[in-house]
Amino acid sequence: MPTPSKGDRTRVVSRVPDPVYAELEKRRKAAGVSSVSQYVADLLAATTGHKNLVVELDQEVLQLTA
């Protein structure tokens, strides 16, 4: 079954040091987000003032990371 559209998106690619990726993965799992990509997309949406575009990351988690 197809997943619902998340709307218009632009691909952003970034290479990060292994320890940074490991920390992102750890935080992603703790937040219950489906992928590192979605976790980073949600963080970027929130930190650029677009909290309405956050898909999976809980508002409680956003308050802890702000």
PDB file of N, CA and C in Angstrom:
ATOM      1  N   MET A   1       0.842  -1.172   0.000  1.00  0.00           N
ATOM      2  CA  MET A   1       0.000   0.000   0.000  1.00  0.00           C
ATOM      3  C   MET A   1       0.894   1.244   0.000  1.00  0.00           C
ATOM      4  N   PRO A   2       0.616   2.219  -0.885  1.00  0.00           N
ATOM      5  CA  PRO A   2       1.459   3.416  -0.960  1.00  0.00           C
ATOM      6  C   PRO A   2       1.328   4.283   0.289  1.00  0.00           C
ATOM      7  N   THR A   3       2.415   4.973   0.604  1.00  0.00           N
ATOM      8  CA  THR A   3       2.386   5.881   1.753  1.00  0.00           C
ATOM      9  C   THR A   3       1.876   7.247   1.302  1.00  0.00           C
ATOM     10  N   PRO A   4       1.264   8.002   2.204  1.00  0.00           N
ATOM     11  CA  PRO A   4       0.765   9.327   1.834  1.00  0.00           C
ATOM     12  C   PRO A   4       1.914  10.268   1.474  1.00  0.00           C
ATOM     13  N   SER A   5       1.638  11.197   0.593  1.00  0.00           N
ATOM     14  CA  SER A   5       2.639  12.179   0.184  1.00  0.00           C
ATOM     15  C   SER A   5       3.000  13.090   1.350  1.00  0.00           C
ATOM     16  N   LYS A   6       4.268  13.439   1.433  1.00  0.00           N
ATOM     17  CA  LYS A   6       4.726  14.388   2.449  1.00  0.00           C
ATOM     18  C   LYS A   6       4.822  15.789   1.853  1.00  0.00           C
ATOM     19  N   GLY A   7       4.307  15.969   0.646  1.00  0.00           N
ATOM     20  CA  GLY A   7       4.322  17.276  -0.002  1.00  0.00           C
ATOM     21  C   GLY A   7       5.579  17.488  -0.831  1.00  0.00           C
ATOM     22  N   ASP A   8       5.669  18.676  -1.403  1.00  0.00           N
ATOM     23  CA  ASP A   8       6.829  19.018  -2.227  1.00  0.00           C
ATOM     24  C   ASP A   8       8.079  19.055  -1.361  1.00  0.00           C
ATOM     25  N   ARG A   9       9.124  18.428  -1.854  1.00  0.00           N
ATOM     26  CA  ARG A   9      10.386  18.369  -1.117  1.00  0.00           C
ATOM     27  C   ARG A   9      11.554  18.482  -2.083  1.00  0.00           C
ATOM     28  N   THR A  10      12.679  18.970  -1.568  1.00  0.00           N
ATOM     29  CA  THR A  10      13.925  19.053  -2.319  1.00  0.00           C
ATOM     30  C   THR A  10      14.957  18.211  -1.603  1.00  0.00           C
ATOM     31  N   ARG A  11      15.689  17.417  -2.368  1.00  0.00           N
ATOM     32  CA  ARG A  11      16.702  16.544  -1.780  1.00  0.00           C
ATOM     33  C   ARG A  11      17.907  17.368  -1.327  1.00  0.00           C
ATOM     34  N   VAL A  12      18.358  17.118  -0.111  1.00  0.00           N
ATOM     35  CA  VAL A  12      19.551  17.753   0.448  1.00  0.00           C
ATOM     36  C   VAL A  12      20.486  16.628   0.877  1.00  0.00           C
ATOM     37  N   VAL A  13      21.718  16.661   0.390  1.00  0.00           N
ATOM     38  CA  VAL A  13      22.677  15.609   0.711  1.00  0.00           C
ATOM     39  C   VAL A  13      23.821  16.214   1.516  1.00  0.00           C
ATOM     40  N   SER A  14      24.185  15.540   2.588  1.00  0.00           N
ATOM     41  CA  SER A  14      25.283  16.012   3.419  1.00  0.00           C
ATOM     42  C   SER A  14      26.068  14.820   3.949  1.00  0.00           C
ATOM     43  N   ARG A  15      27.364  14.927   3.920  1.00  0.00           N
ATOM     44  CA  ARG A  15      28.222  13.899   4.518  1.00  0.00           C
ATOM     45  C   ARG A  15      28.660  14.417   5.879  1.00  0.00           C
ATOM     46  N   VAL A  16      28.411  13.614   6.896  1.00  0.00           N
ATOM     47  CA  VAL A  16      28.768  14.026   8.257  1.00  0.00           C
ATOM     48  C   VAL A  16      29.760  13.025   8.837  1.00  0.00           C
ATOM     49  N   PRO A  17      30.584  13.450   9.786  1.00  0.00           N
ATOM     50  CA  PRO A  17      31.512  12.517  10.429  1.00  0.00           C
ATOM     51  C   PRO A  17      30.741  11.377  11.110  1.00  0.00           C
ATOM     52  N   ASP A  18      31.365  10.211  11.171  1.00  0.00           N
ATOM     53  CA  ASP A  18      30.720   9.028  11.752  1.00  0.00           C
ATOM     54  C   ASP A  18      30.161   9.270  13.153  1.00  0.00           C
ATOM     55  N   PRO A  19      30.884   9.958  14.047  1.00  0.00           N
ATOM     56  CA  PRO A  19      30.318  10.183  15.384  1.00  0.00           C
ATOM     57  C   PRO A  19      29.039  11.037  15.351  1.00  0.00           C
ATOM     58  N   VAL A  20      28.971  11.969  14.408  1.00  0.00           N
ATOM     59  CA  VAL A  20      27.768  12.798  14.272  1.00  0.00           C
ATOM     60  C   VAL A  20      26.602  11.935  13.816  1.00  0.00           C
ATOM     61  N   TYR A  21      26.836  11.078  12.815  1.00  0.00           N
ATOM     62  CA  TYR A  21      25.774  10.190  12.338  1.00  0.00           C
ATOM     63  C   TYR A  21      25.309   9.255  13.454  1.00  0.00           C
ATOM     64  N   ALA A  22      26.248   8.724  14.216  1.00  0.00           N
ATOM     65  CA  ALA A  22      25.892   7.818  15.315  1.00  0.00           C
ATOM     66  C   ALA A  22      24.995   8.529  16.327  1.00  0.00           C
ATOM     67  N   GLU A  23      25.297   9.777  16.624  1.00  0.00           N
ATOM     68  CA  GLU A  23      24.466  10.544  17.561  1.00  0.00           C
ATOM     69  C   GLU A  23      23.085  10.829  16.974  1.00  0.00           C
ATOM     70  N   LEU A  24      23.035  11.163  15.684  1.00  0.00           N
ATOM     71  CA  LEU A  24      21.738  11.373  15.031  1.00  0.00           C
ATOM     72  C   LEU A  24      20.895  10.103  15.077  1.00  0.00           C
ATOM     73  N   GLU A  25      21.522   8.970  14.806  1.00  0.00           N
ATOM     74  CA  GLU A  25      20.811   7.685  14.836  1.00  0.00           C
ATOM     75  C   GLU A  25      20.296   7.386  16.243  1.00  0.00           C
ATOM     76  N   LYS A  26      21.108   7.645  17.232  1.00  0.00           N
ATOM     77  CA  LYS A  26      20.708   7.422  18.629  1.00  0.00           C
ATOM     78  C   LYS A  26      19.500   8.297  18.988  1.00  0.00           C
ATOM     79  N   ARG A  27      19.569   9.560  18.625  1.00  0.00           N
ATOM     80  CA  ARG A  27      18.474  10.482  18.935  1.00  0.00           C
ATOM     81  C   ARG A  27      17.224  10.166  18.122  1.00  0.00           C
ATOM     82  N   ARG A  28      17.407   9.725  16.885  1.00  0.00           N
ATOM     83  CA  ARG A  28      16.280   9.345  16.043  1.00  0.00           C
ATOM     84  C   ARG A  28      15.515   8.191  16.658  1.00  0.00           C
ATOM     85  N   LYS A  29      16.245   7.175  17.100  1.00  0.00           N
ATOM     86  CA  LYS A  29      15.611   6.014  17.737  1.00  0.00           C
ATOM     87  C   LYS A  29      14.880   6.423  19.007  1.00  0.00           C
ATOM     88  N   ALA A  30      15.523   7.257  19.820  1.00  0.00           N
ATOM     89  CA  ALA A  30      14.907   7.699  21.071  1.00  0.00           C
ATOM     90  C   ALA A  30      13.623   8.494  20.816  1.00  0.00           C
ATOM     91  N   ALA A  31      13.585   9.218  19.706  1.00  0.00           N
ATOM     92  CA  ALA A  31      12.414  10.027  19.366  1.00  0.00           C
ATOM     93  C   ALA A  31      11.335   9.217  18.654  1.00  0.00           C
ATOM     94  N   GLY A  32      11.678   7.991  18.225  1.00  0.00           N
ATOM     95  CA  GLY A  32      10.706   7.153  17.537  1.00  0.00           C
ATOM     96  C   GLY A  32      10.440   7.566  16.100  1.00  0.00           C
ATOM     97  N   VAL A  33      11.409   8.209  15.468  1.00  0.00           N
ATOM     98  CA  VAL A  33      11.265   8.645  14.078  1.00  0.00           C
ATOM     99  C   VAL A  33      11.739   7.520  13.162  1.00  0.00           C
ATOM    100  N   SER A  34      11.108   7.386  11.994  1.00  0.00           N
ATOM    101  CA  SER A  34      11.328   6.235  11.115  1.00  0.00           C
ATOM    102  C   SER A  34      12.699   6.177  10.449  1.00  0.00           C
ATOM    103  N   SER A  35      13.347   7.312  10.228  1.00  0.00           N
ATOM    104  CA  SER A  35      14.646   7.310   9.550  1.00  0.00           C
ATOM    105  C   SER A  35      15.455   8.535   9.963  1.00  0.00           C
ATOM    106  N   VAL A  36      16.761   8.460   9.762  1.00  0.00           N
ATOM    107  CA  VAL A  36      17.618   9.617  10.041  1.00  0.00           C
ATOM    108  C   VAL A  36      17.235  10.757   9.104  1.00  0.00           C
ATOM    109  N   SER A  37      16.927  10.436   7.857  1.00  0.00           N
ATOM    110  CA  SER A  37      16.529  11.458   6.894  1.00  0.00           C
ATOM    111  C   SER A  37      15.312  12.236   7.389  1.00  0.00           C
ATOM    112  N   GLN A  38      14.294  11.521   7.869  1.00  0.00           N
ATOM    113  CA  GLN A  38      13.088  12.195   8.367  1.00  0.00           C
ATOM    114  C   GLN A  38      13.387  12.975   9.640  1.00  0.00           C
ATOM    115  N   TYR A  39      14.232  12.419  10.489  1.00  0.00           N
ATOM    116  CA  TYR A  39      14.619  13.099  11.728  1.00  0.00           C
ATOM    117  C   TYR A  39      15.295  14.434  11.403  1.00  0.00           C
ATOM    118  N   VAL A  40      16.257  14.417  10.483  1.00  0.00           N
ATOM    119  CA  VAL A  40      16.969  15.635  10.105  1.00  0.00           C
ATOM    120  C   VAL A  40      16.012  16.613   9.418  1.00  0.00           C
ATOM    121  N   ALA A  41      15.129  16.112   8.552  1.00  0.00           N
ATOM    122  CA  ALA A  41      14.151  16.982   7.890  1.00  0.00           C
ATOM    123  C   ALA A  41      13.266  17.677   8.921  1.00  0.00           C
ATOM    124  N   ASP A  42      12.822  16.936   9.932  1.00  0.00           N
ATOM    125  CA  ASP A  42      11.993  17.526  10.982  1.00  0.00           C
ATOM    126  C   ASP A  42      12.772  18.556  11.794  1.00  0.00           C
ATOM    127  N   LEU A  43      14.022  18.255  12.137  1.00  0.00           N
ATOM    128  CA  LEU A  43      14.849  19.221  12.872  1.00  0.00           C
ATOM    129  C   LEU A  43      15.045  20.498  12.056  1.00  0.00           C
ATOM    130  N   LEU A  44      15.338  20.341  10.767  1.00  0.00           N
ATOM    131  CA  LEU A  44      15.539  21.506   9.905  1.00  0.00           C
ATOM    132  C   LEU A  44      14.260  22.324   9.772  1.00  0.00           C
ATOM    133  N   ALA A  45      13.128  21.655   9.615  1.00  0.00           N
ATOM    134  CA  ALA A  45      11.851  22.372   9.522  1.00  0.00           C
ATOM    135  C   ALA A  45      11.603  23.179  10.791  1.00  0.00           C
ATOM    136  N   ALA A  46      11.827  22.558  11.925  1.00  0.00           N
ATOM    137  CA  ALA A  46      11.574  23.227  13.204  1.00  0.00           C
ATOM    138  C   ALA A  46      12.521  24.403  13.430  1.00  0.00           C
ATOM    139  N   THR A  47      13.792  24.217  13.119  1.00  0.00           N
ATOM    140  CA  THR A  47      14.772  25.270  13.407  1.00  0.00           C
ATOM    141  C   THR A  47      14.728  26.419  12.404  1.00  0.00           C
ATOM    142  N   THR A  48      14.038  26.225  11.281  1.00  0.00           N
ATOM    143  CA  THR A  48      13.901  27.312  10.308  1.00  0.00           C
ATOM    144  C   THR A  48      12.533  27.978  10.402  1.00  0.00           C
ATOM    145  N   GLY A  49      11.810  27.687  11.487  1.00  0.00           N
ATOM    146  CA  GLY A  49      10.535  28.349  11.709  1.00  0.00           C
ATOM    147  C   GLY A  49       9.347  27.721  11.010  1.00  0.00           C
ATOM    148  N   HIS A  50       9.477  26.466  10.595  1.00  0.00           N
ATOM    149  CA  HIS A  50       8.395  25.782   9.881  1.00  0.00           C
ATOM    150  C   HIS A  50       7.912  24.570  10.668  1.00  0.00           C
ATOM    151  N   LYS A  51       7.566  24.782  11.917  1.00  0.00           N
ATOM    152  CA  LYS A  51       7.140  23.663  12.768  1.00  0.00           C
ATOM    153  C   LYS A  51       5.898  22.968  12.223  1.00  0.00           C
ATOM    154  N   ASN A  52       5.123  23.667  11.410  1.00  0.00           N
ATOM    155  CA  ASN A  52       3.950  23.056  10.791  1.00  0.00           C
ATOM    156  C   ASN A  52       4.325  21.980   9.773  1.00  0.00           C
ATOM    157  N   LEU A  53       5.579  21.955   9.335  1.00  0.00           N
ATOM    158  CA  LEU A  53       6.038  20.960   8.365  1.00  0.00           C
ATOM    159  C   LEU A  53       6.713  19.760   9.020  1.00  0.00           C
ATOM    160  N   VAL A  54       6.812  19.766  10.346  1.00  0.00           N
ATOM    161  CA  VAL A  54       7.379  18.627  11.067  1.00  0.00           C
ATOM    162  C   VAL A  54       6.420  17.454  10.914  1.00  0.00           C
ATOM    163  N   VAL A  55       6.949  16.302  10.470  1.00  0.00           N
ATOM    164  CA  VAL A  55       6.100  15.148  10.162  1.00  0.00           C
ATOM    165  C   VAL A  55       6.029  14.157  11.318  1.00  0.00           C
ATOM    166  N   GLU A  56       7.168  13.772  11.886  1.00  0.00           N
ATOM    167  CA  GLU A  56       7.180  12.704  12.882  1.00  0.00           C
ATOM    168  C   GLU A  56       7.684  13.109  14.260  1.00  0.00           C
ATOM    169  N   LEU A  57       8.516  14.082  14.325  1.00  0.00           N
ATOM    170  CA  LEU A  57       9.148  14.452  15.588  1.00  0.00           C
ATOM    171  C   LEU A  57       8.133  15.124  16.503  1.00  0.00           C
ATOM    172  N   ASP A  58       7.988  14.608  17.713  1.00  0.00           N
ATOM    173  CA  ASP A  58       7.026  15.150  18.675  1.00  0.00           C
ATOM    174  C   ASP A  58       7.375  16.578  19.056  1.00  0.00           C
ATOM    175  N   GLN A  59       6.355  17.363  19.331  1.00  0.00           N
ATOM    176  CA  GLN A  59       6.576  18.731  19.792  1.00  0.00           C
ATOM    177  C   GLN A  59       7.329  18.744  21.119  1.00  0.00           C
ATOM    178  N   GLU A  60       7.117  17.730  21.963  1.00  0.00           N
ATOM    179  CA  GLU A  60       7.837  17.639  23.239  1.00  0.00           C
ATOM    180  C   GLU A  60       9.335  17.524  22.994  1.00  0.00           C
ATOM    181  N   VAL A  61       9.725  16.718  22.016  1.00  0.00           N
ATOM    182  CA  VAL A  61      11.140  16.538  21.689  1.00  0.00           C
ATOM    183  C   VAL A  61      11.710  17.838  21.157  1.00  0.00           C
ATOM    184  N   LEU A  62      10.938  18.551  20.334  1.00  0.00           N
ATOM    185  CA  LEU A  62      11.415  19.816  19.783  1.00  0.00           C
ATOM    186  C   LEU A  62      11.713  20.815  20.893  1.00  0.00           C
ATOM    187  N   GLN A  63      10.897  20.852  21.920  1.00  0.00           N
ATOM    188  CA  GLN A  63      11.127  21.777  23.023  1.00  0.00           C
ATOM    189  C   GLN A  63      12.401  21.422  23.776  1.00  0.00           C
ATOM    190  N   LEU A  64      12.724  20.145  23.863  1.00  0.00           N
ATOM    191  CA  LEU A  64      13.938  19.715  24.561  1.00  0.00           C
ATOM    192  C   LEU A  64      15.191  20.052  23.776  1.00  0.00           C
ATOM    193  N   THR A  65      15.099  20.104  22.433  1.00  0.00           N
ATOM    194  CA  THR A  65      16.275  20.345  21.609  1.00  0.00           C
ATOM    195  C   THR A  65      16.451  21.820  21.285  1.00  0.00           C
ATOM    196  N   ALA A  66      15.484  22.651  21.615  1.00  0.00           N
ATOM    197  CA  ALA A  66      15.561  24.077  21.272  1.00  0.00           C
ATOM    198  C   ALA A  66      16.499  24.821  22.204  1.00  0.00           C
TER     199      ALA A  66
END
